[in-house]
Amino acid sequence: MKSKTVILIILIFIGTFILYFFIKNQHPQTKTKIGFPTPNIELTDFKNNKMNLSDLRGSVIFVNFWATWCPPCIDELPSIDRLSRNLARNSEFKMVTILYNDDINRVNSYMKEMNYTFPVYIDPDGSAAEKFGVTGVPETFIIDKKGILRNKVVGPSEWDSPYVIDVLTKLINE
């Protein structure tokens, strides 16, 4: 009786181990890590213009995944807009905000209503979020001029704070 129980426990353990690796490998993600190159992603804007993230190399890139159904995202959007307006004059800074699982028409109306001017891109199949390893929104990535991830922030932030402006300015001046 004891040997059957031990064998059953071992089989359950092995089965669980195999199932874990099978499920894990079903949806492989390129998880972007600080200090490593970021993946190239292709995005589309509201006018159906395509853009590749690699086209922005040579600039510091602020990438933010967000959605209108996400209250923390909505809370940080005013500071993202102020950051965009503040650094828009600098040709070595690019802002890329990416819709995450949201209704395009709703977002377009919201942007107009709030008078936001920062660029918004669409990730229709979720591949950009998958390549960056996004686990939720808001999630922000700061990429240096060489395409290396320098910082990742999960959750909302005050993006136009003096500290953030200083960090971005230092990256721009590198």
N, C-alpha and C. Protein backbone atom coordinates (compact mmCIF):
# COMPACT_ATOMS: atom_id res chain seq x y z
N MET A 1 0.82 -1.19 0.00
CA MET A 1 0.00 0.00 0.00
C MET A 1 0.87 1.26 0.00
N LYS A 2 1.93 1.28 0.84
CA LYS A 2 2.80 2.45 0.91
C LYS A 2 3.54 2.66 -0.40
N SER A 3 3.98 1.59 -1.04
CA SER A 3 4.73 1.74 -2.29
C SER A 3 3.83 2.29 -3.40
N LYS A 4 2.54 1.92 -3.40
CA LYS A 4 1.61 2.46 -4.39
C LYS A 4 1.40 3.96 -4.16
N THR A 5 1.33 4.37 -2.93
CA THR A 5 1.16 5.79 -2.60
C THR A 5 2.38 6.59 -3.03
N VAL A 6 3.56 6.05 -2.77
CA VAL A 6 4.80 6.73 -3.15
C VAL A 6 4.88 6.85 -4.67
N ILE A 7 4.57 5.78 -5.38
CA ILE A 7 4.59 5.80 -6.84
C ILE A 7 3.57 6.81 -7.37
N LEU A 8 2.39 6.85 -6.79
CA LEU A 8 1.35 7.80 -7.21
C LEU A 8 1.82 9.24 -7.00
N ILE A 9 2.44 9.52 -5.87
CA ILE A 9 2.95 10.87 -5.59
C ILE A 9 4.04 11.24 -6.59
N ILE A 10 4.93 10.32 -6.89
CA ILE A 10 6.00 10.58 -7.86
C ILE A 10 5.40 10.85 -9.24
N LEU A 11 4.42 10.06 -9.66
CA LEU A 11 3.78 10.26 -10.96
C LEU A 11 3.06 11.60 -11.03
N ILE A 12 2.39 11.99 -9.95
CA ILE A 12 1.72 13.30 -9.92
C ILE A 12 2.76 14.41 -10.04
N PHE A 13 3.86 14.28 -9.33
CA PHE A 13 4.92 15.29 -9.39
C PHE A 13 5.48 15.40 -10.80
N ILE A 14 5.80 14.28 -11.41
CA ILE A 14 6.35 14.27 -12.78
C ILE A 14 5.33 14.84 -13.76
N GLY A 15 4.08 14.45 -13.62
CA GLY A 15 3.02 14.96 -14.51
C GLY A 15 2.86 16.46 -14.38
N THR A 16 2.89 16.95 -13.16
CA THR A 16 2.78 18.40 -12.93
C THR A 16 3.97 19.13 -13.54
N PHE A 17 5.16 18.58 -13.37
CA PHE A 17 6.38 19.16 -13.92
C PHE A 17 6.30 19.24 -15.45
N ILE A 18 5.89 18.17 -16.10
CA ILE A 18 5.75 18.14 -17.57
C ILE A 18 4.68 19.11 -18.03
N LEU A 19 3.55 19.13 -17.35
CA LEU A 19 2.45 20.04 -17.71
C LEU A 19 2.90 21.49 -17.59
N TYR A 20 3.64 21.82 -16.55
CA TYR A 20 4.14 23.19 -16.37
C TYR A 20 4.98 23.62 -17.56
N PHE A 21 5.95 22.80 -17.97
CA PHE A 21 6.81 23.18 -19.09
C PHE A 21 6.06 23.18 -20.41
N PHE A 22 5.09 22.32 -20.57
CA PHE A 22 4.28 22.32 -21.80
C PHE A 22 3.49 23.62 -21.91
N ILE A 23 2.83 24.02 -20.84
CA ILE A 23 2.04 25.26 -20.85
C ILE A 23 2.95 26.47 -21.00
N LYS A 24 4.06 26.49 -20.30
CA LYS A 24 4.99 27.61 -20.35
C LYS A 24 5.49 27.85 -21.77
N ASN A 25 5.73 26.81 -22.52
CA ASN A 25 6.28 26.95 -23.87
C ASN A 25 5.22 27.15 -24.94
N GLN A 26 3.95 27.16 -24.58
CA GLN A 26 2.89 27.38 -25.56
C GLN A 26 2.88 28.81 -26.07
N HIS A 27 3.18 29.77 -25.21
CA HIS A 27 3.16 31.18 -25.58
C HIS A 27 4.48 31.82 -25.18
N PRO A 28 5.55 31.53 -25.92
CA PRO A 28 6.82 32.12 -25.54
C PRO A 28 6.79 33.64 -25.69
N GLN A 29 7.37 34.34 -24.74
CA GLN A 29 7.44 35.79 -24.79
C GLN A 29 8.89 36.23 -24.76
N THR A 30 9.17 37.30 -25.47
CA THR A 30 10.46 37.93 -25.34
C THR A 30 10.30 38.95 -24.24
N LYS A 31 10.79 38.64 -23.09
CA LYS A 31 10.66 39.58 -21.97
C LYS A 31 11.83 40.53 -22.00
N THR A 32 11.52 41.79 -22.11
CA THR A 32 12.53 42.82 -22.19
C THR A 32 13.14 43.02 -20.81
N LYS A 33 14.47 42.96 -20.75
CA LYS A 33 15.17 43.09 -19.48
C LYS A 33 16.03 44.34 -19.50
N ILE A 34 16.12 45.00 -18.35
CA ILE A 34 16.93 46.20 -18.22
C ILE A 34 18.38 45.86 -18.56
N GLY A 35 18.98 46.72 -19.40
CA GLY A 35 20.37 46.53 -19.81
C GLY A 35 20.52 45.73 -21.09
N PHE A 36 19.40 45.28 -21.66
CA PHE A 36 19.44 44.49 -22.89
C PHE A 36 18.66 45.20 -23.99
N PRO A 37 18.95 44.84 -25.25
CA PRO A 37 18.23 45.47 -26.38
C PRO A 37 16.73 45.18 -26.31
N THR A 38 15.96 46.15 -26.75
CA THR A 38 14.51 45.99 -26.81
C THR A 38 14.13 45.38 -28.15
N PRO A 39 13.01 44.69 -28.19
CA PRO A 39 12.58 44.09 -29.46
C PRO A 39 12.08 45.15 -30.43
N ASN A 40 12.20 44.86 -31.71
CA ASN A 40 11.60 45.75 -32.69
C ASN A 40 10.12 45.40 -32.78
N ILE A 41 9.29 46.41 -32.80
CA ILE A 41 7.85 46.19 -32.94
C ILE A 41 7.33 47.09 -34.04
N GLU A 42 6.31 46.63 -34.72
CA GLU A 42 5.65 47.45 -35.74
C GLU A 42 4.30 47.88 -35.19
N LEU A 43 4.05 49.17 -35.28
CA LEU A 43 2.81 49.74 -34.76
C LEU A 43 2.12 50.55 -35.85
N THR A 44 0.85 50.82 -35.63
CA THR A 44 0.05 51.62 -36.55
C THR A 44 -0.60 52.75 -35.77
N ASP A 45 -0.66 53.94 -36.38
CA ASP A 45 -1.35 55.04 -35.71
C ASP A 45 -2.81 55.09 -36.17
N PHE A 46 -3.55 56.09 -35.71
CA PHE A 46 -4.97 56.21 -36.04
C PHE A 46 -5.22 56.45 -37.53
N LYS A 47 -4.20 56.95 -38.23
CA LYS A 47 -4.35 57.22 -39.67
C LYS A 47 -3.84 56.04 -40.51
N ASN A 48 -3.57 54.93 -39.84
CA ASN A 48 -3.11 53.70 -40.48
C ASN A 48 -1.67 53.79 -41.00
N ASN A 49 -0.89 54.74 -40.50
CA ASN A 49 0.53 54.84 -40.84
C ASN A 49 1.30 53.85 -39.97
N LYS A 50 2.22 53.12 -40.59
CA LYS A 50 3.01 52.13 -39.85
C LYS A 50 4.32 52.75 -39.37
N MET A 51 4.78 52.26 -38.22
CA MET A 51 6.03 52.74 -37.65
C MET A 51 6.72 51.56 -36.97
N ASN A 52 8.03 51.46 -37.17
CA ASN A 52 8.83 50.46 -36.48
C ASN A 52 9.61 51.15 -35.37
N LEU A 53 9.65 50.54 -34.21
CA LEU A 53 10.39 51.12 -33.10
C LEU A 53 11.86 51.31 -33.46
N SER A 54 12.42 50.41 -34.25
CA SER A 54 13.83 50.52 -34.63
C SER A 54 14.11 51.78 -35.45
N ASP A 55 13.08 52.34 -36.09
CA ASP A 55 13.25 53.59 -36.84
C ASP A 55 13.59 54.77 -35.93
N LEU A 56 13.34 54.62 -34.64
CA LEU A 56 13.55 55.71 -33.69
C LEU A 56 14.91 55.64 -33.00
N ARG A 57 15.72 54.63 -33.35
CA ARG A 57 17.06 54.51 -32.75
C ARG A 57 17.81 55.82 -32.95
N GLY A 58 18.61 56.16 -31.97
CA GLY A 58 19.30 57.44 -31.99
C GLY A 58 18.58 58.47 -31.14
N SER A 59 17.39 58.09 -30.66
CA SER A 59 16.61 58.94 -29.76
C SER A 59 16.32 58.16 -28.48
N VAL A 60 16.09 58.88 -27.40
CA VAL A 60 15.59 58.26 -26.18
C VAL A 60 14.10 58.05 -26.41
N ILE A 61 13.62 56.83 -26.15
CA ILE A 61 12.23 56.49 -26.45
C ILE A 61 11.49 56.16 -25.16
N PHE A 62 10.35 56.81 -25.00
CA PHE A 62 9.45 56.59 -23.87
C PHE A 62 8.30 55.75 -24.41
N VAL A 63 8.20 54.49 -23.99
CA VAL A 63 7.15 53.59 -24.47
C VAL A 63 6.20 53.31 -23.30
N ASN A 64 4.92 53.61 -23.52
CA ASN A 64 3.93 53.42 -22.46
C ASN A 64 2.74 52.63 -23.00
N PHE A 65 2.42 51.51 -22.35
CA PHE A 65 1.23 50.72 -22.69
C PHE A 65 0.11 51.17 -21.75
N TRP A 66 -1.07 51.48 -22.32
CA TRP A 66 -2.17 52.00 -21.52
C TRP A 66 -3.51 51.65 -22.15
N ALA A 67 -4.60 51.96 -21.42
CA ALA A 67 -5.96 51.72 -21.92
C ALA A 67 -6.92 52.68 -21.22
N THR A 68 -8.01 53.01 -21.90
CA THR A 68 -9.00 53.91 -21.30
C THR A 68 -9.80 53.23 -20.20
N TRP A 69 -9.85 51.90 -20.18
CA TRP A 69 -10.60 51.18 -19.15
C TRP A 69 -9.78 51.00 -17.87
N CYS A 70 -8.56 51.53 -17.87
CA CYS A 70 -7.63 51.36 -16.75
C CYS A 70 -7.54 52.66 -15.94
N PRO A 71 -8.16 52.73 -14.73
CA PRO A 71 -8.11 53.97 -13.94
C PRO A 71 -6.69 54.49 -13.64
N PRO A 72 -5.71 53.63 -13.28
CA PRO A 72 -4.37 54.16 -13.06
C PRO A 72 -3.76 54.77 -14.34
N CYS A 73 -4.11 54.20 -15.49
CA CYS A 73 -3.62 54.77 -16.77
C CYS A 73 -4.18 56.17 -16.96
N ILE A 74 -5.48 56.29 -16.74
CA ILE A 74 -6.14 57.59 -16.90
C ILE A 74 -5.54 58.61 -15.95
N ASP A 75 -5.20 58.17 -14.73
CA ASP A 75 -4.60 59.07 -13.74
C ASP A 75 -3.25 59.61 -14.20
N GLU A 76 -2.45 58.79 -14.92
CA GLU A 76 -1.11 59.25 -15.30
C GLU A 76 -1.08 59.96 -16.66
N LEU A 77 -2.15 59.90 -17.44
CA LEU A 77 -2.14 60.51 -18.77
C LEU A 77 -1.88 62.02 -18.77
N PRO A 78 -2.42 62.80 -17.82
CA PRO A 78 -2.07 64.23 -17.84
C PRO A 78 -0.56 64.47 -17.72
N SER A 79 0.12 63.69 -16.89
CA SER A 79 1.57 63.88 -16.75
C SER A 79 2.31 63.41 -18.01
N ILE A 80 1.78 62.39 -18.68
CA ILE A 80 2.38 61.94 -19.94
C ILE A 80 2.23 63.04 -20.99
N ASP A 81 1.06 63.66 -21.03
CA ASP A 81 0.84 64.74 -21.99
C ASP A 81 1.77 65.93 -21.69
N ARG A 82 1.92 66.28 -20.42
CA ARG A 82 2.83 67.39 -20.08
C ARG A 82 4.27 67.04 -20.42
N LEU A 83 4.67 65.79 -20.17
CA LEU A 83 6.02 65.35 -20.54
C LEU A 83 6.21 65.47 -22.04
N SER A 84 5.24 65.01 -22.79
CA SER A 84 5.31 65.08 -24.25
C SER A 84 5.46 66.53 -24.72
N ARG A 85 4.66 67.41 -24.17
CA ARG A 85 4.73 68.83 -24.57
C ARG A 85 6.07 69.45 -24.15
N ASN A 86 6.57 69.05 -22.99
CA ASN A 86 7.82 69.59 -22.47
C ASN A 86 9.02 69.17 -23.32
N LEU A 87 9.07 67.90 -23.71
CA LEU A 87 10.24 67.39 -24.43
C LEU A 87 10.03 67.27 -25.94
N ALA A 88 8.87 67.66 -26.43
CA ALA A 88 8.58 67.53 -27.87
C ALA A 88 9.55 68.33 -28.73
N ARG A 89 10.07 69.41 -28.20
CA ARG A 89 11.00 70.25 -28.97
C ARG A 89 12.35 69.56 -29.15
N ASN A 90 12.65 68.57 -28.34
CA ASN A 90 13.93 67.89 -28.43
C ASN A 90 13.84 66.74 -29.43
N SER A 91 14.59 66.84 -30.51
CA SER A 91 14.52 65.83 -31.57
C SER A 91 15.09 64.48 -31.14
N GLU A 92 15.79 64.44 -30.00
CA GLU A 92 16.37 63.19 -29.53
C GLU A 92 15.49 62.49 -28.49
N PHE A 93 14.24 62.92 -28.39
CA PHE A 93 13.27 62.28 -27.50
C PHE A 93 12.03 61.92 -28.31
N LYS A 94 11.61 60.67 -28.19
CA LYS A 94 10.40 60.21 -28.89
C LYS A 94 9.48 59.55 -27.88
N MET A 95 8.20 59.84 -28.02
CA MET A 95 7.20 59.23 -27.16
C MET A 95 6.35 58.28 -28.00
N VAL A 96 6.17 57.08 -27.47
CA VAL A 96 5.35 56.07 -28.13
C VAL A 96 4.40 55.52 -27.08
N THR A 97 3.13 55.90 -27.18
CA THR A 97 2.14 55.31 -26.28
C THR A 97 1.34 54.30 -27.08
N ILE A 98 1.09 53.16 -26.47
CA ILE A 98 0.50 52.02 -27.19
C ILE A 98 -0.77 51.57 -26.48
N LEU A 99 -1.84 51.51 -27.25
CA LEU A 99 -3.11 51.03 -26.70
C LEU A 99 -3.03 49.56 -26.40
N TYR A 100 -3.55 49.19 -25.26
CA TYR A 100 -3.54 47.81 -24.83
C TYR A 100 -4.98 47.33 -24.71
N ASN A 101 -5.40 46.51 -25.66
CA ASN A 101 -6.72 45.87 -25.60
C ASN A 101 -7.83 46.90 -25.36
N ASP A 102 -7.93 47.87 -26.26
CA ASP A 102 -8.89 48.96 -26.09
C ASP A 102 -9.62 49.24 -27.40
N ASP A 103 -10.72 49.96 -27.31
CA ASP A 103 -11.53 50.34 -28.47
C ASP A 103 -10.96 51.61 -29.09
N ILE A 104 -10.56 51.53 -30.35
CA ILE A 104 -9.90 52.65 -31.03
C ILE A 104 -10.79 53.88 -31.09
N ASN A 105 -12.06 53.71 -31.42
CA ASN A 105 -12.98 54.85 -31.52
C ASN A 105 -13.13 55.55 -30.18
N ARG A 106 -13.23 54.77 -29.13
CA ARG A 106 -13.36 55.33 -27.78
C ARG A 106 -12.12 56.15 -27.42
N VAL A 107 -10.95 55.62 -27.77
CA VAL A 107 -9.69 56.30 -27.46
C VAL A 107 -9.57 57.60 -28.25
N ASN A 108 -9.92 57.55 -29.52
CA ASN A 108 -9.84 58.73 -30.36
C ASN A 108 -10.71 59.85 -29.79
N SER A 109 -11.93 59.52 -29.39
CA SER A 109 -12.83 60.50 -28.78
C SER A 109 -12.26 61.03 -27.47
N TYR A 110 -11.72 60.13 -26.66
CA TYR A 110 -11.15 60.52 -25.38
C TYR A 110 -9.98 61.48 -25.56
N MET A 111 -9.10 61.19 -26.51
CA MET A 111 -7.94 62.05 -26.77
C MET A 111 -8.39 63.46 -27.16
N LYS A 112 -9.40 63.54 -28.01
CA LYS A 112 -9.91 64.85 -28.44
C LYS A 112 -10.57 65.58 -27.27
N GLU A 113 -11.36 64.85 -26.50
CA GLU A 113 -12.06 65.44 -25.35
C GLU A 113 -11.08 66.03 -24.33
N MET A 114 -9.98 65.31 -24.09
CA MET A 114 -9.00 65.75 -23.09
C MET A 114 -7.94 66.69 -23.68
N ASN A 115 -7.97 66.87 -24.99
CA ASN A 115 -7.01 67.74 -25.68
C ASN A 115 -5.57 67.25 -25.52
N TYR A 116 -5.39 65.93 -25.50
CA TYR A 116 -4.06 65.35 -25.42
C TYR A 116 -3.44 65.35 -26.81
N THR A 117 -2.13 65.60 -26.85
CA THR A 117 -1.44 65.69 -28.14
C THR A 117 -0.37 64.62 -28.33
N PHE A 118 -0.11 63.82 -27.32
CA PHE A 118 0.94 62.81 -27.47
C PHE A 118 0.52 61.74 -28.48
N PRO A 119 1.50 61.13 -29.15
CA PRO A 119 1.18 60.12 -30.17
C PRO A 119 0.66 58.82 -29.55
N VAL A 120 -0.34 58.25 -30.20
CA VAL A 120 -0.92 56.98 -29.76
C VAL A 120 -0.85 55.99 -30.91
N TYR A 121 -0.35 54.80 -30.59
CA TYR A 121 -0.24 53.74 -31.59
C TYR A 121 -1.10 52.55 -31.17
N ILE A 122 -1.41 51.74 -32.16
CA ILE A 122 -2.30 50.60 -31.97
C ILE A 122 -1.50 49.31 -32.09
N ASP A 123 -1.77 48.40 -31.21
CA ASP A 123 -1.15 47.07 -31.21
C ASP A 123 -2.29 46.06 -31.38
N PRO A 124 -2.84 45.96 -32.61
CA PRO A 124 -4.09 45.22 -32.80
C PRO A 124 -4.05 43.75 -32.39
N ASP A 125 -2.91 43.10 -32.58
CA ASP A 125 -2.86 41.67 -32.25
C ASP A 125 -2.15 41.40 -30.92
N GLY A 126 -1.75 42.45 -30.23
CA GLY A 126 -1.09 42.28 -28.94
C GLY A 126 0.36 41.83 -29.02
N SER A 127 0.92 41.80 -30.23
CA SER A 127 2.29 41.29 -30.37
C SER A 127 3.33 42.20 -29.73
N ALA A 128 3.11 43.52 -29.77
CA ALA A 128 4.07 44.44 -29.13
C ALA A 128 4.09 44.20 -27.62
N ALA A 129 2.92 44.11 -27.03
CA ALA A 129 2.84 43.85 -25.58
C ALA A 129 3.48 42.51 -25.24
N GLU A 130 3.26 41.53 -26.08
CA GLU A 130 3.85 40.20 -25.84
C GLU A 130 5.37 40.25 -25.93
N LYS A 131 5.90 40.93 -26.95
CA LYS A 131 7.36 41.01 -27.11
C LYS A 131 8.02 41.75 -25.95
N PHE A 132 7.33 42.74 -25.40
CA PHE A 132 7.87 43.49 -24.27
C PHE A 132 7.60 42.79 -22.95
N GLY A 133 6.79 41.74 -22.96
CA GLY A 133 6.48 41.02 -21.72
C GLY A 133 5.56 41.79 -20.80
N VAL A 134 4.67 42.60 -21.39
CA VAL A 134 3.75 43.40 -20.60
C VAL A 134 2.80 42.48 -19.84
N THR A 135 2.67 42.75 -18.55
CA THR A 135 1.79 41.93 -17.70
C THR A 135 0.51 42.65 -17.34
N GLY A 136 0.45 43.93 -17.58
CA GLY A 136 -0.73 44.73 -17.27
C GLY A 136 -0.46 46.18 -17.64
N VAL A 137 -1.41 47.01 -17.38
CA VAL A 137 -1.23 48.43 -17.70
C VAL A 137 -1.55 49.28 -16.48
N PRO A 138 -0.91 50.43 -16.36
CA PRO A 138 0.10 50.97 -17.25
C PRO A 138 1.46 50.31 -17.01
N GLU A 139 2.22 50.24 -18.07
CA GLU A 139 3.59 49.73 -17.99
C GLU A 139 4.43 50.58 -18.94
N THR A 140 5.55 51.07 -18.44
CA THR A 140 6.36 52.03 -19.20
C THR A 140 7.80 51.55 -19.30
N PHE A 141 8.40 51.80 -20.47
CA PHE A 141 9.77 51.40 -20.76
C PHE A 141 10.54 52.63 -21.25
N ILE A 142 11.72 52.85 -20.70
CA ILE A 142 12.59 53.94 -21.14
C ILE A 142 13.77 53.29 -21.87
N ILE A 143 13.92 53.66 -23.14
CA ILE A 143 14.93 53.05 -24.01
C ILE A 143 15.95 54.11 -24.39
N ASP A 144 17.24 53.76 -24.30
CA ASP A 144 18.27 54.74 -24.65
C ASP A 144 18.48 54.82 -26.16
N LYS A 145 19.39 55.68 -26.58
CA LYS A 145 19.62 55.94 -28.00
C LYS A 145 20.12 54.71 -28.76
N LYS A 146 20.70 53.76 -28.04
CA LYS A 146 21.22 52.54 -28.68
C LYS A 146 20.20 51.42 -28.71
N GLY A 147 18.99 51.68 -28.20
CA GLY A 147 17.95 50.66 -28.19
C GLY A 147 17.99 49.74 -26.99
N ILE A 148 18.72 50.16 -25.96
CA ILE A 148 18.85 49.36 -24.73
C ILE A 148 17.82 49.83 -23.71
N LEU A 149 17.13 48.88 -23.08
CA LEU A 149 16.17 49.23 -22.04
C LEU A 149 16.92 49.73 -20.81
N ARG A 150 16.61 50.96 -20.40
CA ARG A 150 17.28 51.56 -19.25
C ARG A 150 16.41 51.55 -18.00
N ASN A 151 15.08 51.53 -18.19
CA ASN A 151 14.20 51.52 -17.02
C ASN A 151 12.84 50.96 -17.42
N LYS A 152 12.19 50.34 -16.46
CA LYS A 152 10.85 49.80 -16.65
C LYS A 152 10.04 50.14 -15.41
N VAL A 153 8.85 50.67 -15.62
CA VAL A 153 7.99 51.04 -14.49
C VAL A 153 6.65 50.35 -14.68
N VAL A 154 6.26 49.55 -13.70
CA VAL A 154 4.95 48.91 -13.71
C VAL A 154 4.06 49.72 -12.78
N GLY A 155 2.96 50.22 -13.32
CA GLY A 155 2.06 51.05 -12.53
C GLY A 155 2.19 52.51 -12.93
N PRO A 156 1.32 53.34 -12.37
CA PRO A 156 1.32 54.75 -12.74
C PRO A 156 2.48 55.52 -12.12
N SER A 157 2.81 56.62 -12.76
CA SER A 157 3.86 57.49 -12.25
C SER A 157 3.55 58.93 -12.62
N GLU A 158 4.25 59.84 -12.00
CA GLU A 158 4.12 61.26 -12.34
C GLU A 158 5.26 61.56 -13.31
N TRP A 159 4.96 61.42 -14.60
CA TRP A 159 5.99 61.42 -15.64
C TRP A 159 6.62 62.77 -15.92
N ASP A 160 6.03 63.83 -15.48
CA ASP A 160 6.64 65.14 -15.70
C ASP A 160 7.29 65.70 -14.44
N SER A 161 7.58 64.82 -13.49
CA SER A 161 8.24 65.26 -12.25
C SER A 161 9.68 65.70 -12.58
N PRO A 162 10.26 66.57 -11.75
CA PRO A 162 11.65 66.99 -11.99
C PRO A 162 12.62 65.80 -12.06
N TYR A 163 12.38 64.79 -11.23
CA TYR A 163 13.26 63.61 -11.24
C TYR A 163 13.24 62.91 -12.60
N VAL A 164 12.05 62.66 -13.13
CA VAL A 164 11.92 61.96 -14.42
C VAL A 164 12.52 62.81 -15.54
N ILE A 165 12.22 64.10 -15.53
CA ILE A 165 12.77 65.00 -16.55
C ILE A 165 14.30 64.97 -16.50
N ASP A 166 14.86 64.96 -15.29
CA ASP A 166 16.32 64.91 -15.13
C ASP A 166 16.88 63.60 -15.68
N VAL A 167 16.25 62.47 -15.36
CA VAL A 167 16.71 61.17 -15.87
C VAL A 167 16.67 61.15 -17.39
N LEU A 168 15.56 61.60 -17.97
CA LEU A 168 15.43 61.60 -19.43
C LEU A 168 16.43 62.55 -20.08
N THR A 169 16.63 63.71 -19.48
CA THR A 169 17.59 64.68 -20.02
C THR A 169 19.01 64.12 -20.01
N LYS A 170 19.37 63.42 -18.93
CA LYS A 170 20.70 62.80 -18.87
C LYS A 170 20.85 61.75 -19.97
N LEU A 171 19.82 60.95 -20.20
CA LEU A 171 19.89 59.96 -21.28
C LEU A 171 20.00 60.63 -22.64
N ILE A 172 19.27 61.71 -22.83
CA ILE A 172 19.33 62.45 -24.10
C ILE A 172 20.73 63.00 -24.33
N ASN A 173 21.37 63.46 -23.27
CA ASN A 173 22.71 64.07 -23.39
C ASN A 173 23.85 63.07 -23.43
N GLU A 174 23.56 61.79 -23.29
CA GLU A 174 24.64 60.77 -23.33
C GLU A 174 25.22 60.65 -24.72
